[in-house]
Protein backbone atom coordinates (compact mmCIF):
# COMPACT_ATOMS: atom_id res chain seq x y z
CA UNK A 1 -5.98 -55.93 5.13
CA UNK A 2 -4.19 -55.05 1.89
CA UNK A 3 -7.53 -54.90 0.02
CA UNK A 4 -8.95 -52.51 2.61
CA UNK A 5 -5.88 -50.28 2.38
CA UNK A 6 -6.08 -49.92 -1.39
CA UNK A 7 -9.88 -49.55 -1.53
CA UNK A 8 -9.94 -46.73 1.01
CA UNK A 9 -9.45 -43.27 -0.45
CA UNK A 10 -8.51 -40.17 1.49
CA UNK A 11 -11.37 -37.70 1.27
CA UNK A 12 -10.51 -34.53 -0.63
CA UNK A 13 -10.51 -31.27 1.38
CA UNK A 14 -13.80 -29.37 1.39
CA UNK A 15 -12.32 -26.38 -0.45
CA UNK A 16 -11.15 -28.68 -3.24
CA UNK A 17 -14.51 -30.47 -3.47
CA UNK A 18 -16.27 -27.11 -3.79
CA UNK A 19 -13.94 -25.75 -6.46
CA UNK A 20 -16.15 -24.18 -9.21
CA UNK A 21 -16.73 -26.27 -12.32
CA UNK A 22 -17.85 -23.38 -14.51
CA UNK A 23 -16.93 -19.72 -14.59
CA UNK A 24 -20.38 -18.64 -13.37
CA UNK A 25 -19.75 -20.44 -10.06
CA UNK A 26 -16.76 -18.24 -9.20
CA UNK A 27 -17.93 -15.87 -6.45
CA UNK A 28 -17.09 -12.20 -6.00
CA UNK A 29 -15.57 -11.58 -9.45
CA UNK A 30 -18.53 -10.74 -11.69
CA UNK A 31 -16.58 -7.78 -13.11
CA UNK A 32 -14.46 -10.42 -14.87
CA UNK A 33 -16.67 -13.52 -15.07
CA UNK A 34 -20.17 -12.11 -15.56
CA UNK A 35 -22.06 -11.67 -18.83
CA UNK A 36 -20.07 -9.55 -21.31
CA UNK A 37 -17.16 -9.37 -18.82
CA UNK A 38 -13.60 -9.80 -20.24
CA UNK A 39 -12.86 -13.36 -19.13
CA UNK A 40 -16.34 -14.55 -20.02
CA UNK A 41 -16.04 -13.12 -23.54
CA UNK A 42 -12.54 -14.56 -23.89
CA UNK A 43 -13.73 -18.04 -22.91
CA UNK A 44 -16.79 -17.95 -25.17
CA UNK A 45 -14.70 -16.87 -28.14
CA UNK A 46 -12.28 -19.74 -27.54
CA UNK A 47 -9.36 -17.36 -28.14
CA UNK A 48 -7.37 -16.81 -24.97
CA UNK A 49 -4.51 -14.35 -24.78
CA UNK A 50 -1.96 -14.17 -21.98
CA UNK A 51 -3.04 -12.31 -18.86
CA UNK A 52 -2.13 -11.59 -15.24
CA UNK A 53 -4.56 -12.10 -12.34
CA UNK A 54 -3.83 -9.67 -9.52
CA UNK A 55 -5.67 -10.15 -6.25
CA UNK A 56 -5.45 -11.24 -2.59
CA UNK A 57 -5.14 -14.88 -1.48
CA UNK A 58 -8.19 -17.09 -1.83
CA UNK A 59 -10.08 -14.96 -4.35
CA UNK A 60 -10.15 -17.54 -7.17
CA UNK A 61 -7.03 -16.95 -9.27
CA UNK A 62 -6.08 -20.64 -9.66
CA UNK A 63 -9.67 -21.69 -10.24
CA UNK A 64 -10.17 -19.13 -13.01
CA UNK A 65 -6.97 -20.22 -14.78
CA UNK A 66 -7.97 -23.89 -14.61
CA UNK A 67 -11.48 -23.19 -15.94
CA UNK A 68 -10.10 -21.12 -18.81
CA UNK A 69 -7.94 -24.06 -19.86
CA UNK A 70 -10.63 -26.73 -19.45
CA UNK A 71 -13.27 -24.87 -21.45
CA UNK A 72 -10.98 -23.94 -24.35
CA UNK A 73 -9.32 -27.33 -24.88
CA UNK A 74 -5.93 -26.18 -23.70
CA UNK A 75 -3.54 -28.38 -21.73
CA UNK A 76 -3.31 -26.98 -18.18
CA UNK A 77 0.20 -26.78 -16.73
CA UNK A 78 0.73 -25.30 -13.28
CA UNK A 79 3.94 -24.23 -11.57
CA UNK A 80 4.78 -22.04 -8.59
CA UNK A 81 7.50 -19.41 -8.78
CA UNK A 82 8.29 -20.17 -5.15
CA UNK A 83 9.38 -23.76 -5.88
CA UNK A 84 10.38 -23.62 -9.56
CA UNK A 85 13.63 -22.65 -11.23
CA UNK A 86 15.13 -22.33 -14.70
CA UNK A 87 15.27 -26.10 -15.24
CA UNK A 88 11.56 -26.41 -14.48
CA UNK A 89 10.73 -23.66 -16.96
CA UNK A 90 12.83 -25.30 -19.69
CA UNK A 91 11.02 -28.58 -19.13
CA UNK A 92 7.59 -26.89 -19.34
CA UNK A 93 8.52 -25.04 -22.53
CA UNK A 94 9.94 -28.19 -24.11
CA UNK A 95 6.80 -30.24 -23.35
CA UNK A 96 4.61 -27.41 -24.65
CA UNK A 97 6.49 -27.30 -27.95
CA UNK A 98 6.28 -31.11 -28.34
CA UNK A 99 2.59 -31.07 -27.46
CA UNK A 100 1.85 -28.46 -30.09
CA UNK A 101 3.94 -30.24 -32.73
CA UNK A 102 2.61 -33.79 -32.14
CA UNK A 103 -0.94 -33.18 -30.88
CA UNK A 104 -1.72 -29.73 -32.21
CA UNK A 105 -2.76 -28.76 -28.69
CA UNK A 106 -1.85 -25.51 -26.98
CA UNK A 107 -0.73 -25.12 -23.38
CA UNK A 108 -2.05 -22.73 -20.76
CA UNK A 109 0.78 -22.25 -18.28
CA UNK A 110 -0.44 -21.03 -14.92
CA UNK A 111 2.35 -19.48 -12.85
CA UNK A 112 1.40 -18.92 -9.23
CA UNK A 113 3.24 -16.10 -7.40
CA UNK A 114 4.78 -15.01 -10.71
CA UNK A 115 6.23 -11.91 -9.04
CA UNK A 116 8.69 -14.19 -7.24
CA UNK A 117 10.57 -14.82 -10.49
CA UNK A 118 13.50 -12.47 -11.04
CA UNK A 119 13.98 -10.28 -14.11
CA UNK A 120 15.94 -12.80 -16.17
CA UNK A 121 13.44 -15.56 -15.39
CA UNK A 122 10.56 -13.31 -16.42
CA UNK A 123 12.39 -12.46 -19.64
CA UNK A 124 12.57 -16.19 -20.34
CA UNK A 125 8.81 -16.30 -20.93
CA UNK A 126 8.85 -13.71 -23.71
CA UNK A 127 9.79 -15.79 -26.80
CA UNK A 128 7.37 -18.61 -25.88
CA UNK A 129 4.52 -16.17 -25.28
CA UNK A 130 5.24 -14.35 -28.54
CA UNK A 131 5.34 -17.46 -30.73
CA UNK A 132 2.25 -18.97 -29.10
CA UNK A 133 3.99 -21.96 -27.51
CA UNK A 134 2.24 -21.09 -24.26
CA UNK A 135 -0.67 -18.96 -23.10
CA UNK A 136 0.70 -17.42 -19.92
CA UNK A 137 -1.62 -16.82 -16.98
CA UNK A 138 0.23 -15.37 -14.02
CA UNK A 139 -1.17 -14.97 -10.53
CA UNK A 140 0.16 -12.39 -8.11
CA UNK A 141 -0.81 -10.79 -4.82
CA UNK A 142 1.51 -7.85 -5.56
CA UNK A 143 1.11 -4.83 -7.81
CA UNK A 144 2.25 -5.98 -11.29
CA UNK A 145 3.41 -2.46 -12.11
CA UNK A 146 6.16 -2.80 -9.53
CA UNK A 147 6.89 -6.52 -9.61
CA UNK A 148 6.75 -7.56 -13.29
CA UNK A 149 8.98 -6.53 -16.17
CA UNK A 150 7.58 -3.92 -18.53
CA UNK A 151 8.29 -6.24 -21.47
CA UNK A 152 6.21 -9.05 -19.95
CA UNK A 153 3.43 -6.68 -18.88
CA UNK A 154 3.17 -5.28 -22.40
CA UNK A 155 2.29 -8.77 -23.67
CA UNK A 156 -0.33 -9.51 -21.01
CA UNK A 157 -3.60 -8.01 -19.95
CA UNK A 158 -3.93 -7.37 -16.22
CA UNK A 159 -7.19 -8.31 -14.48
CA UNK A 160 -7.80 -7.17 -10.89
CA UNK A 161 -9.69 -9.55 -8.59
CA UNK A 162 -11.62 -8.41 -5.52
CA UNK A 163 -11.17 -9.66 -1.99
CA UNK A 164 -14.27 -11.58 -1.02
CA UNK A 165 -16.93 -9.91 1.10
CA UNK A 166 -19.59 -11.05 3.56
CA UNK A 167 -22.15 -11.93 0.86
CA UNK A 168 -19.56 -13.97 -1.03
CA UNK A 169 -18.65 -15.85 2.13
CA UNK A 170 -22.30 -16.61 2.79
CA UNK A 171 -22.56 -18.23 -0.66
CA UNK A 172 -19.50 -20.38 0.09
CA UNK A 173 -20.78 -21.42 3.53
CA UNK A 174 -24.14 -22.40 2.04
CA UNK A 175 -22.34 -24.51 -0.56
CA UNK A 176 -20.30 -26.13 2.20
CA UNK A 177 -23.46 -26.96 4.18
CA UNK A 178 -25.06 -28.50 1.09
CA UNK A 179 -21.94 -30.56 0.40
CA UNK A 180 -21.66 -31.81 3.99
CA UNK A 181 -25.41 -32.28 4.36
CA UNK A 182 -25.98 -30.24 7.53
CA UNK A 183 -25.91 -26.71 8.88
CA UNK A 184 -22.65 -25.31 10.13
CA UNK A 185 -22.88 -25.81 13.92
CA UNK A 186 -22.24 -22.21 15.00
CA UNK A 187 -24.32 -19.32 16.29
CA UNK A 188 -25.26 -16.38 14.05
CA UNK A 189 -22.75 -14.22 15.93
CA UNK A 190 -20.00 -16.78 15.34
CA UNK A 191 -20.97 -17.01 11.66
CA UNK A 192 -20.49 -13.25 11.31
CA UNK A 193 -17.19 -13.50 13.19
CA UNK A 194 -16.05 -16.29 10.86
CA UNK A 195 -16.55 -14.03 7.84
CA UNK A 196 -14.60 -11.23 9.49
CA UNK A 197 -11.52 -13.25 10.35
CA UNK A 198 -11.44 -14.88 6.90
CA UNK A 199 -10.03 -11.55 5.72
CA UNK A 200 -11.27 -11.84 2.13
CA UNK A 201 -9.92 -15.37 1.64
CA UNK A 202 -12.48 -17.90 0.35
CA UNK A 203 -10.19 -20.90 0.72
CA UNK A 204 -9.50 -19.99 4.33
CA UNK A 205 -13.16 -19.75 5.35
CA UNK A 206 -13.89 -23.14 3.77
CA UNK A 207 -10.96 -24.69 5.66
CA UNK A 208 -12.29 -23.17 8.89
CA UNK A 209 -15.77 -24.47 8.16
CA UNK A 210 -14.36 -27.96 7.57
CA UNK A 211 -12.56 -27.83 10.92
CA UNK A 212 -15.74 -26.77 12.70
CA UNK A 213 -17.73 -29.58 11.05
CA UNK A 214 -15.15 -32.12 12.20
CA UNK A 215 -14.71 -30.76 15.76
CA UNK A 216 -18.40 -30.36 16.66
CA UNK A 217 -20.01 -33.26 18.49
CA UNK A 218 -23.60 -34.33 17.83
CA UNK A 219 -25.92 -31.45 18.78
CA UNK A 220 -23.07 -29.11 19.77
CA UNK A 221 -23.25 -25.46 18.65
CA UNK A 222 -20.13 -23.30 18.81
CA UNK A 223 -20.30 -19.67 19.90
CA UNK A 224 -17.79 -16.97 18.97
CA UNK A 225 -15.37 -17.86 21.77
CA UNK A 226 -15.39 -21.50 20.76
CA UNK A 227 -14.69 -20.56 17.15
CA UNK A 228 -11.87 -18.32 18.34
CA UNK A 229 -10.31 -21.26 20.16
CA UNK A 230 -10.39 -23.26 16.93
CA UNK A 231 -8.99 -20.42 14.87
CA UNK A 232 -6.43 -19.31 17.47
CA UNK A 233 -4.89 -16.57 15.35
CA UNK A 234 -4.86 -15.52 11.75
CA UNK A 235 -2.15 -13.07 10.75
CA UNK A 236 -3.54 -10.30 8.53
CA UNK A 237 -2.60 -10.43 4.84
CA UNK A 238 0.30 -8.02 4.81
CA UNK A 239 3.83 -8.11 3.45
CA UNK A 240 6.07 -5.54 5.07
CA UNK A 241 8.33 -5.31 2.03
CA UNK A 242 5.71 -5.14 -0.69
CA UNK A 243 2.52 -3.54 -1.90
CA UNK A 244 0.46 -4.11 1.27
CA UNK A 245 3.03 -2.18 3.28
CA UNK A 246 2.82 0.88 1.03
CA UNK A 247 -0.97 0.75 0.87
CA UNK A 248 -1.30 0.80 4.66
CA UNK A 249 1.27 3.54 5.31
CA UNK A 250 -0.50 5.61 2.65
CA UNK A 251 -3.77 5.05 4.53
CA UNK A 252 -2.10 6.20 7.78
CA UNK A 253 -0.69 9.32 6.12
CA UNK A 254 -3.93 10.30 4.37
CA UNK A 255 -5.97 9.74 7.56
CA UNK A 256 -3.62 11.98 9.57
CA UNK A 257 -3.73 14.66 6.88
CA UNK A 258 -7.52 14.41 6.78
CA UNK A 259 -7.67 14.90 10.58
CA UNK A 260 -9.55 11.60 11.03
CA UNK A 261 -8.14 10.41 14.35
CA UNK A 262 -10.20 7.20 14.47
CA UNK A 263 -9.16 6.08 10.99
CA UNK A 264 -5.52 6.98 11.72
CA UNK A 265 -5.51 4.88 14.90
CA UNK A 266 -7.15 1.99 13.04
CA UNK A 267 -4.54 1.93 10.25
CA UNK A 268 -1.65 2.29 12.73
CA UNK A 269 -3.11 -0.64 14.69
CA UNK A 270 -3.42 -2.66 11.46
CA UNK A 271 0.28 -2.14 10.76
CA UNK A 272 1.41 -2.86 14.30
CA UNK A 273 -0.64 -6.06 14.62
CA UNK A 274 0.76 -7.18 11.26
CA UNK A 275 4.31 -6.99 12.59
CA UNK A 276 5.39 -3.59 11.30
CA UNK A 277 8.40 -2.07 13.07
CA UNK A 278 7.04 0.78 15.27
CA UNK A 279 10.22 2.75 14.51
CA UNK A 280 9.22 2.92 10.87
CA UNK A 281 5.82 4.38 11.79
CA UNK A 282 7.46 6.87 14.14
CA UNK A 283 9.91 8.00 11.42
CA UNK A 284 7.04 8.55 9.00
CA UNK A 285 5.08 10.53 11.60
CA UNK A 286 8.10 12.70 12.48
CA UNK A 287 8.27 13.62 8.82
CA UNK A 288 4.51 14.26 8.84
CA UNK A 289 4.91 16.59 11.82
CA UNK A 290 7.22 18.91 9.89
CA UNK A 291 5.61 18.49 6.46
CA UNK A 292 1.86 18.53 7.15
CA UNK A 293 1.54 20.14 10.59
CA UNK A 294 4.64 22.29 10.62
CA UNK A 295 4.25 25.77 12.16
CA UNK A 296 0.48 25.43 12.48
CA UNK A 297 1.53 23.64 15.67
CA UNK A 298 5.28 24.01 16.37
CA UNK A 299 4.92 21.55 19.25
CA UNK A 300 4.05 18.71 16.84
CA UNK A 301 7.66 17.92 15.98
CA UNK A 302 8.59 18.14 19.68
CA UNK A 303 5.82 15.65 20.46
CA UNK A 304 6.98 13.41 17.59
CA UNK A 305 10.58 13.32 18.78
CA UNK A 306 9.49 12.76 22.38
CA UNK A 307 7.27 9.82 21.41
CA UNK A 308 10.09 8.31 19.34
CA UNK A 309 12.46 8.66 22.30
CA UNK A 310 9.84 7.16 24.63
CA UNK A 311 9.49 4.13 22.38
CA UNK A 312 13.28 3.64 22.37
CA UNK A 313 13.25 3.64 26.17
CA UNK A 314 10.29 1.29 26.60
CA UNK A 315 10.24 -0.91 23.49
CA UNK A 316 7.20 -3.05 22.64
CA UNK A 317 4.55 -3.54 23.82
CA UNK A 318 4.66 -0.70 26.38
CA UNK A 319 6.16 1.75 23.89
CA UNK A 320 3.42 1.07 21.33
CA UNK A 321 1.27 3.50 23.29
CA UNK A 322 3.68 6.29 22.30
CA UNK A 323 3.04 5.44 18.63
CA UNK A 324 -0.70 5.66 19.19
CA UNK A 325 -0.38 8.90 21.17
CA UNK A 326 1.59 10.51 18.36
CA UNK A 327 -0.95 9.39 15.76
CA UNK A 328 -3.78 10.88 17.83
CA UNK A 329 -1.87 14.14 18.37
CA UNK A 330 -1.00 14.63 14.71
CA UNK A 331 -4.47 13.72 13.47
CA UNK A 332 -6.07 16.34 15.72
CA UNK A 333 -3.43 19.04 15.17
CA UNK A 334 -4.03 21.98 12.80
CA UNK A 335 -2.37 21.39 9.40
CA UNK A 336 -0.25 23.59 7.19
CA UNK A 337 2.04 22.86 4.25
CA UNK A 338 3.15 26.49 3.99
CA UNK A 339 6.78 25.83 4.97
CA UNK A 340 6.89 22.79 2.65
CA UNK A 341 5.65 24.95 -0.23
CA UNK A 342 8.00 27.76 0.77
CA UNK A 343 10.93 25.34 0.59
CA UNK A 344 10.07 24.50 -3.03
CA UNK A 345 9.75 28.20 -3.91
CA UNK A 346 13.05 29.02 -2.19
CA UNK A 347 14.88 26.21 -4.00
CA UNK A 348 13.42 27.26 -7.35
CA UNK A 349 14.39 30.92 -6.80
CA UNK A 350 17.88 29.98 -5.63
CA UNK A 351 18.49 27.87 -8.76
CA UNK A 352 17.09 30.60 -11.01
CA UNK A 353 19.14 33.49 -9.57
CA UNK A 354 22.47 31.64 -9.49
CA UNK A 355 25.31 33.45 -7.70
CA UNK A 356 23.83 36.87 -6.92
CA UNK A 357 25.73 38.45 -4.04
CA UNK A 358 24.04 39.62 -0.82
CA UNK A 359 23.72 43.42 -0.55
CA UNK A 360 26.96 44.92 0.75
CA UNK A 361 25.38 46.50 3.83
CA UNK A 362 24.68 43.08 5.39
CA UNK A 363 28.18 41.70 4.73
CA UNK A 364 30.78 41.66 7.50
CA UNK A 365 33.93 43.75 6.94
CA UNK A 366 36.77 42.16 8.93
CA UNK A 367 39.50 43.72 6.67
CA UNK A 368 40.32 47.27 5.53
CA UNK A 369 39.86 46.27 1.90
CA UNK A 370 36.35 45.04 2.59
CA UNK A 371 35.49 48.28 4.38
CA UNK A 372 36.83 50.28 1.42
CA UNK A 373 34.59 48.19 -0.86
CA UNK A 374 31.54 49.22 1.16
CA UNK A 375 31.00 46.01 3.10
CA UNK A 376 28.80 46.60 6.19
CA UNK A 377 28.35 50.27 5.20
CA UNK A 378 24.90 51.44 6.22
CA UNK A 379 23.93 48.33 8.15
CA UNK A 380 21.48 49.04 10.97
CA UNK A 381 21.40 46.85 14.09
CA UNK A 382 17.67 46.24 14.51
CA UNK A 383 17.76 45.94 18.31
CA UNK A 384 19.12 49.49 18.56
CA UNK A 385 15.83 50.87 17.25
CA UNK A 386 12.81 51.55 19.42
CA UNK A 387 10.54 49.17 17.50
CA UNK A 388 13.36 46.61 16.98
CA UNK A 389 12.89 46.63 13.21
CA UNK A 390 14.98 48.38 10.56
CA UNK A 391 13.09 47.32 7.43
CA UNK A 392 16.34 47.07 5.44
CA UNK A 393 16.62 44.97 2.29
CA UNK A 394 18.22 41.54 2.74
CA UNK A 395 17.68 40.21 -0.78
CA UNK A 396 20.36 40.74 -3.48
CA UNK A 397 20.32 44.27 -4.90
CA UNK A 398 19.40 42.94 -8.38
CA UNK A 399 16.54 40.78 -7.14
CA UNK A 400 13.09 42.19 -6.55
CA UNK A 401 11.59 41.20 -3.22
CA UNK A 402 9.73 37.85 -3.48
CA UNK A 403 7.00 36.43 -1.22
CA UNK A 404 8.09 32.87 -0.40
CA UNK A 405 6.44 31.91 2.88
CA UNK A 406 2.68 32.40 3.06
CA UNK A 407 1.22 31.10 6.34
CA UNK A 408 -2.37 29.94 6.53
CA UNK A 409 -5.14 31.07 8.88
CA UNK A 410 -4.89 27.93 11.01
CA UNK A 411 -3.38 27.13 14.37
CA UNK A 412 -0.24 28.96 15.41
CA UNK A 413 0.38 30.10 11.82
CA UNK A 414 -2.52 32.51 12.31
CA UNK A 415 -0.28 34.35 14.79
CA UNK A 416 2.72 34.09 12.48
CA UNK A 417 0.64 35.60 9.67
CA UNK A 418 -0.18 38.57 11.90
CA UNK A 419 3.53 39.06 12.68
CA UNK A 420 4.51 38.96 8.99
CA UNK A 421 1.78 41.46 8.13
CA UNK A 422 3.01 43.69 10.96
CA UNK A 423 6.62 43.51 9.68
CA UNK A 424 5.47 44.17 6.10
CA UNK A 425 3.59 47.26 7.30
CA UNK A 426 6.65 48.54 9.19
CA UNK A 427 8.89 47.80 6.21
CA UNK A 428 6.69 49.84 3.89
CA UNK A 429 6.66 52.72 6.35
CA UNK A 430 10.46 52.65 6.71
CA UNK A 431 10.92 52.59 2.94
CA UNK A 432 8.60 55.60 2.54
CA UNK A 433 10.54 57.50 5.23
CA UNK A 434 13.86 56.65 3.54
CA UNK A 435 12.63 57.98 0.18
CA UNK A 436 11.65 61.29 1.82
């Protein structure tokens, strides 16, 4: 019994057994691993400098780091920022220094999720990177520009890895079938579905394939529904507090601005199904209603506030429909940034002109002194005139009239433009009559 126990080995997971042995076997990253590509040239030269691998889960970051170490005679050390602290780093640095001193061998330190280290921990790498104690290879799913110190970034190249696509997945599935020795027991439709739900993650699709191989009985072929039952649910790759969040809300905003209702609804659905707070989306769309739609459709902000109030009354999931309705309304509404631009012009003019006083004729004169100073003298009450328009000057006396708001020929602003042109015409007429 004891002999059987020790002679039996647990079979390694399929994804581990299929891990590439050379750089050319890494799928989907030819921009880095192909002929004359940066990592390929670095490996062939035998001179590796520190670098950061930025890409989604399951795209080959760990594999690439391991291959770079193996094919350049460097000792491979791997840690995760999620589970490691200062004491772990000190131990790694100490071993690396001893290894270089006693064996003359360098160390490639692979740090998974390097963005999880705080500023002081990231600073701790600097002296060991600078003196060559370690070659640092960091892996991150987040934008290094936001998550890594400038000092550390300046000492590392950043390489961007792609999420895997359908063709890449097909290569992996074929490798899995060759390794197992039989075809994956699923229909063509289910095979396509498998690639879709893998969401760019090569490790995930291999794990799914392994599950399917183990669950299928002799001669059994799984269709899409059967595969769905195995998968159950895969949460989309999305971190509400990090780069994925900002990428998706940018996609929502640009789709609304571009009047692409279908794309807008898709990105809103992506955020909602990923667990985003609908209130956040509603706040962003309220802002959009006054910034990008504005007076081209004055009802947009009313619709936005009503949808936000509806969601507060209903909550999820019933209230999610209000989020979708607002997205559809804003995407199909006419757009104008005229008021937004006018605000910038008004602020700039206000800062430039300082404390110029309003003209005296539009100032109230509640005291005798103010009346003696000319306050309110000559003011005309517009509604007393037949056309309801006096054409008086309301800018400071020392400031030439400035055009600040310029409506566009879209939506309701087309009507506003006509009104402004009408008032400008009347104003010019009044001024000519006054000069006579």
